[in-house]
PDB file of N, CA and C in Angstrom:
ATOM      1  N   MET A   1      96.448 109.547 104.595  1.00  0.00           N
ATOM      2  CA  MET A   1      96.956 109.392 103.201  1.00  0.00           C
ATOM      3  C   MET A   1      96.635 110.511 102.240  1.00  0.00           C
ATOM      4  N   ARG A   2      96.128 111.652 102.775  1.00  0.00           N
ATOM      5  CA  ARG A   2      95.843 112.916 102.201  1.00  0.00           C
ATOM      6  C   ARG A   2      94.862 112.699 100.921  1.00  0.00           C
ATOM      7  N   THR A   3      93.761 112.047 101.217  1.00  0.00           N
ATOM      8  CA  THR A   3      92.788 111.763 100.119  1.00  0.00           C
ATOM      9  C   THR A   3      91.377 112.464 100.483  1.00  0.00           C
ATOM     10  N   SER A   4      91.240 113.010 101.751  1.00  0.00           N
ATOM     11  CA  SER A   4      89.966 113.569 102.198  1.00  0.00           C
ATOM     12  C   SER A   4      89.413 114.623 101.366  1.00  0.00           C
ATOM     13  N   ARG A   5      90.505 115.473 100.829  1.00  0.00           N
ATOM     14  CA  ARG A   5      89.938 116.672 100.097  1.00  0.00           C
ATOM     15  C   ARG A   5      89.385 116.301  98.737  1.00  0.00           C
ATOM     16  N   ARG A   6      90.038 115.148  98.194  1.00  0.00           N
ATOM     17  CA  ARG A   6      89.631 114.782  96.774  1.00  0.00           C
ATOM     18  C   ARG A   6      88.418 113.903  96.909  1.00  0.00           C
ATOM     19  N   GLN A   7      88.202 113.214  97.980  1.00  0.00           N
ATOM     20  CA  GLN A   7      87.070 112.295  98.216  1.00  0.00           C
ATOM     21  C   GLN A   7      86.025 112.968  98.946  1.00  0.00           C
ATOM     22  N   GLY A   8      84.830 112.743  98.668  1.00  0.00           N
ATOM     23  CA  GLY A   8      83.725 113.222  99.447  1.00  0.00           C
ATOM     24  C   GLY A   8      83.457 112.259 100.669  1.00  0.00           C
ATOM     25  N   ILE A   9      82.476 112.546 101.432  1.00  0.00           N
ATOM     26  CA  ILE A   9      82.132 111.787 102.602  1.00  0.00           C
ATOM     27  C   ILE A   9      81.578 110.315 102.184  1.00  0.00           C
ATOM     28  N   VAL A  10      80.896 110.341 101.018  1.00  0.00           N
ATOM     29  CA  VAL A  10      80.152 109.122 100.558  1.00  0.00           C
ATOM     30  C   VAL A  10      81.300 108.194 100.144  1.00  0.00           C
ATOM     31  N   LEU A  11      82.408 108.682  99.471  1.00  0.00           N
ATOM     32  CA  LEU A  11      83.563 107.780  98.960  1.00  0.00           C
ATOM     33  C   LEU A  11      84.274 107.368 100.131  1.00  0.00           C
ATOM     34  N   ASN A  12      84.408 108.195 101.249  1.00  0.00           N
ATOM     35  CA  ASN A  12      85.066 107.758 102.500  1.00  0.00           C
ATOM     36  C   ASN A  12      84.525 106.659 103.139  1.00  0.00           C
ATOM     37  N   VAL A  13      83.197 106.659 103.074  1.00  0.00           N
ATOM     38  CA  VAL A  13      82.306 105.616 103.732  1.00  0.00           C
ATOM     39  C   VAL A  13      82.474 104.323 102.918  1.00  0.00           C
ATOM     40  N   VAL A  14      82.484 104.379 101.620  1.00  0.00           N
ATOM     41  CA  VAL A  14      82.637 103.269 100.752  1.00  0.00           C
ATOM     42  C   VAL A  14      84.013 102.669 100.972  1.00  0.00           C
ATOM     43  N   VAL A  15      85.012 103.490 100.998  1.00  0.00           N
ATOM     44  CA  VAL A  15      86.372 103.037 101.345  1.00  0.00           C
ATOM     45  C   VAL A  15      86.454 102.291 102.565  1.00  0.00           C
ATOM     46  N   GLY A  16      85.815 102.769 103.623  1.00  0.00           N
ATOM     47  CA  GLY A  16      85.846 102.128 104.870  1.00  0.00           C
ATOM     48  C   GLY A  16      85.072 100.649 104.815  1.00  0.00           C
ATOM     49  N   ILE A  17      83.939 100.680 104.150  1.00  0.00           N
ATOM     50  CA  ILE A  17      83.280  99.423 104.018  1.00  0.00           C
ATOM     51  C   ILE A  17      84.067  98.368 103.240  1.00  0.00           C
ATOM     52  N   VAL A  18      84.588  98.816 102.088  1.00  0.00           N
ATOM     53  CA  VAL A  18      85.344  97.921 101.176  1.00  0.00           C
ATOM     54  C   VAL A  18      86.677  97.520 102.003  1.00  0.00           C
ATOM     55  N   GLY A  19      87.266  98.473 102.685  1.00  0.00           N
ATOM     56  CA  GLY A  19      88.330  98.207 103.372  1.00  0.00           C
ATOM     57  C   GLY A  19      88.105  97.108 104.551  1.00  0.00           C
ATOM     58  N   GLY A  20      86.923  97.182 105.104  1.00  0.00           N
ATOM     59  CA  GLY A  20      86.550  96.139 106.187  1.00  0.00           C
ATOM     60  C   GLY A  20      86.509  94.840 105.516  1.00  0.00           C
ATOM     61  N   PHE A  21      85.962  94.577 104.277  1.00  0.00           N
ATOM     62  CA  PHE A  21      86.011  93.369 103.693  1.00  0.00           C
ATOM     63  C   PHE A  21      87.388  92.878 103.209  1.00  0.00           C
ATOM     64  N   ILE A  22      88.235  93.968 102.805  1.00  0.00           N
ATOM     65  CA  ILE A  22      89.536  93.486 102.466  1.00  0.00           C
ATOM     66  C   ILE A  22      90.360  92.943 103.784  1.00  0.00           C
ATOM     67  N   GLY A  23      90.165  93.788 104.839  1.00  0.00           N
ATOM     68  CA  GLY A  23      90.941  93.510 106.000  1.00  0.00           C
ATOM     69  C   GLY A  23      90.368  92.075 106.586  1.00  0.00           C
ATOM     70  N   GLY A  24      88.984  91.821 106.521  1.00  0.00           N
ATOM     71  CA  GLY A  24      88.504  90.531 106.949  1.00  0.00           C
ATOM     72  C   GLY A  24      88.890  89.348 106.132  1.00  0.00           C
ATOM     73  N   TRP A  25      89.211  89.603 104.921  1.00  0.00           N
ATOM     74  CA  TRP A  25      89.782  88.460 103.969  1.00  0.00           C
ATOM     75  C   TRP A  25      91.242  88.447 104.050  1.00  0.00           C
ATOM     76  N   LEU A  26      91.910  89.471 104.192  1.00  0.00           N
ATOM     77  CA  LEU A  26      93.406  89.397 104.010  1.00  0.00           C
ATOM     78  C   LEU A  26      94.164  89.134 105.383  1.00  0.00           C
ATOM     79  N   LEU A  27      93.705  89.686 106.440  1.00  0.00           N
ATOM     80  CA  LEU A  27      94.446  89.496 107.740  1.00  0.00           C
ATOM     81  C   LEU A  27      94.448  87.937 108.080  1.00  0.00           C
ATOM     82  N   PRO A  28      93.338  87.204 108.059  1.00  0.00           N
ATOM     83  CA  PRO A  28      93.473  85.804 108.325  1.00  0.00           C
ATOM     84  C   PRO A  28      94.478  84.905 107.351  1.00  0.00           C
ATOM     85  N   MET A  29      94.390  85.402 106.109  1.00  0.00           N
ATOM     86  CA  MET A  29      95.237  84.813 105.208  1.00  0.00           C
ATOM     87  C   MET A  29      96.671  84.889 105.519  1.00  0.00           C
ATOM     88  N   ILE A  30      97.155  86.027 106.057  1.00  0.00           N
ATOM     89  CA  ILE A  30      98.531  86.221 106.398  1.00  0.00           C
ATOM     90  C   ILE A  30      98.910  85.788 107.955  1.00  0.00           C
ATOM     91  N   GLY A  31      97.782  85.221 108.511  1.00  0.00           N
ATOM     92  CA  GLY A  31      98.076  84.806 109.960  1.00  0.00           C
ATOM     93  C   GLY A  31      97.848  85.747 111.069  1.00  0.00           C
ATOM     94  N   LEU A  32      97.239  86.896 110.759  1.00  0.00           N
ATOM     95  CA  LEU A  32      96.917  87.924 111.857  1.00  0.00           C
ATOM     96  C   LEU A  32      95.556  87.803 112.383  1.00  0.00           C
ATOM     97  N   SER A  33      95.353  87.864 113.682  1.00  0.00           N
ATOM     98  CA  SER A  33      94.136  87.929 114.299  1.00  0.00           C
ATOM     99  C   SER A  33      94.075  89.036 115.271  1.00  0.00           C
ATOM    100  N   VAL A  34      93.133  89.843 115.136  1.00  0.00           N
ATOM    101  CA  VAL A  34      92.926  91.029 116.203  1.00  0.00           C
ATOM    102  C   VAL A  34      91.905  90.722 117.218  1.00  0.00           C
ATOM    103  N   GLY A  35      91.408  89.587 117.190  1.00  0.00           N
ATOM    104  CA  GLY A  35      90.408  89.240 118.145  1.00  0.00           C
ATOM    105  C   GLY A  35      88.990  89.460 117.802  1.00  0.00           C
ATOM    106  N   GLY A  36      88.033  89.145 118.655  1.00  0.00           N
ATOM    107  CA  GLY A  36      86.607  89.310 118.187  1.00  0.00           C
ATOM    108  C   GLY A  36      86.030  90.695 119.018  1.00  0.00           C
ATOM    109  N   GLY A  37      84.820  90.799 118.800  1.00  0.00           N
ATOM    110  CA  GLY A  37      84.141  91.937 119.342  1.00  0.00           C
ATOM    111  C   GLY A  37      84.174  93.075 118.381  1.00  0.00           C
ATOM    112  N   TRP A  38      83.637  94.227 118.894  1.00  0.00           N
ATOM    113  CA  TRP A  38      83.541  95.415 118.017  1.00  0.00           C
ATOM    114  C   TRP A  38      84.951  96.043 117.854  1.00  0.00           C
ATOM    115  N   PHE A  39      85.842  95.909 118.918  1.00  0.00           N
ATOM    116  CA  PHE A  39      87.141  96.540 118.769  1.00  0.00           C
ATOM    117  C   PHE A  39      87.847  95.816 117.711  1.00  0.00           C
ATOM    118  N   GLY A  40      87.830  94.500 117.586  1.00  0.00           N
ATOM    119  CA  GLY A  40      88.674  93.657 116.637  1.00  0.00           C
ATOM    120  C   GLY A  40      88.126  93.975 115.262  1.00  0.00           C
ATOM    121  N   PHE A  41      86.719  94.228 115.119  1.00  0.00           N
ATOM    122  CA  PHE A  41      86.306  94.420 113.875  1.00  0.00           C
ATOM    123  C   PHE A  41      86.561  95.902 113.366  1.00  0.00           C
ATOM    124  N   LEU A  42      86.696  96.763 114.302  1.00  0.00           N
ATOM    125  CA  LEU A  42      87.153  98.226 113.996  1.00  0.00           C
ATOM    126  C   LEU A  42      88.607  98.215 113.502  1.00  0.00           C
ATOM    127  N   VAL A  43      89.455  97.505 114.238  1.00  0.00           N
ATOM    128  CA  VAL A  43      90.963  97.483 113.775  1.00  0.00           C
ATOM    129  C   VAL A  43      90.985  96.762 112.461  1.00  0.00           C
ATOM    130  N   THR A  44      90.289  95.665 112.276  1.00  0.00           N
ATOM    131  CA  THR A  44      90.351  95.044 111.029  1.00  0.00           C
ATOM    132  C   THR A  44      89.872  95.928 109.866  1.00  0.00           C
ATOM    133  N   ALA A  45      88.832  96.700 109.957  1.00  0.00           N
ATOM    134  CA  ALA A  45      88.334  97.523 109.016  1.00  0.00           C
ATOM    135  C   ALA A  45      89.171  98.639 108.741  1.00  0.00           C
ATOM    136  N   PHE A  46      89.859  99.183 109.826  1.00  0.00           N
ATOM    137  CA  PHE A  46      90.789 100.246 109.764  1.00  0.00           C
ATOM    138  C   PHE A  46      91.962  99.792 108.890  1.00  0.00           C
ATOM    139  N   LEU A  47      92.591  98.714 109.177  1.00  0.00           N
ATOM    140  CA  LEU A  47      93.800  98.232 108.463  1.00  0.00           C
ATOM    141  C   LEU A  47      93.430  97.770 107.043  1.00  0.00           C
ATOM    142  N   GLY A  48      92.236  97.227 106.810  1.00  0.00           N
ATOM    143  CA  GLY A  48      91.793  97.060 105.430  1.00  0.00           C
ATOM    144  C   GLY A  48      91.654  98.326 104.715  1.00  0.00           C
ATOM    145  N   ALA A  49      91.068  99.471 105.246  1.00  0.00           N
ATOM    146  CA  ALA A  49      90.994 100.647 104.599  1.00  0.00           C
ATOM    147  C   ALA A  49      92.321 101.414 104.313  1.00  0.00           C
ATOM    148  N   VAL A  50      93.271 101.150 105.197  1.00  0.00           N
ATOM    149  CA  VAL A  50      94.528 101.742 105.018  1.00  0.00           C
ATOM    150  C   VAL A  50      95.235 101.059 103.772  1.00  0.00           C
ATOM    151  N   ILE A  51      95.154  99.649 103.739  1.00  0.00           N
ATOM    152  CA  ILE A  51      95.685  98.889 102.686  1.00  0.00           C
ATOM    153  C   ILE A  51      95.059  99.376 101.293  1.00  0.00           C
ATOM    154  N   LEU A  52      93.629  99.517 101.350  1.00  0.00           N
ATOM    155  CA  LEU A  52      93.054  99.902 100.181  1.00  0.00           C
ATOM    156  C   LEU A  52      93.479 101.322  99.623  1.00  0.00           C
ATOM    157  N   LEU A  53      93.514 102.211 100.522  1.00  0.00           N
ATOM    158  CA  LEU A  53      93.963 103.648 100.243  1.00  0.00           C
ATOM    159  C   LEU A  53      95.341 103.621  99.738  1.00  0.00           C
ATOM    160  N   ALA A  54      96.179 102.718 100.265  1.00  0.00           N
ATOM    161  CA  ALA A  54      97.657 102.748  99.815  1.00  0.00           C
ATOM    162  C   ALA A  54      97.686 102.196  98.328  1.00  0.00           C
ATOM    163  N   ILE A  55      96.880 101.187  98.075  1.00  0.00           N
ATOM    164  CA  ILE A  55      96.826 100.684  96.766  1.00  0.00           C
ATOM    165  C   ILE A  55      96.298 101.658  95.726  1.00  0.00           C
ATOM    166  N   VAL A  56      95.242 102.415  96.058  1.00  0.00           N
ATOM    167  CA  VAL A  56      94.684 103.369  95.268  1.00  0.00           C
ATOM    168  C   VAL A  56      95.744 104.491  94.945  1.00  0.00           C
ATOM    169  N   ASN A  57      96.436 104.893  95.973  1.00  0.00           N
ATOM    170  CA  ASN A  57      97.427 105.859  95.808  1.00  0.00           C
ATOM    171  C   ASN A  57      98.677 105.417  94.952  1.00  0.00           C
ATOM    172  N   LEU A  58      98.914 104.242  94.952  1.00  0.00           N
ATOM    173  CA  LEU A  58     100.000 103.741  94.114  1.00  0.00           C
ATOM    174  C   LEU A  58      99.550 103.834  92.539  1.00  0.00           C
ATOM    175  N   PHE A  59      98.262 103.620  92.373  1.00  0.00           N
ATOM    176  CA  PHE A  59      97.765 103.799  90.890  1.00  0.00           C
ATOM    177  C   PHE A  59      97.450 105.185  90.511  1.00  0.00           C
ATOM    178  N   ARG A  60      97.286 106.066  91.406  1.00  0.00           N
ATOM    179  CA  ARG A  60      97.098 107.421  91.087  1.00  0.00           C
ATOM    180  C   ARG A  60      98.259 108.243  90.791  1.00  0.00           C
ATOM    181  N   ARG A  61      99.359 107.844  91.167  1.00  0.00           N
ATOM    182  CA  ARG A  61     100.592 108.588  90.961  1.00  0.00           C
ATOM    183  C   ARG A  61     101.235 108.352  89.648  1.00  0.00           C
TER     184      ARG A  61
END
């Protein structure tokens, strides 16, 4: 999403953590399940972070 240069490493970690919460909350609400275990949690956090960055990019433009 081309935000790494504007954000530092700390903000990237925060986006990942908040994205994990968003993914864990949003994916079951829309009926998606990626399974359990560390891989499922990783995919959920990744999808949540992508959603969060997309929302942030919409407001920055």
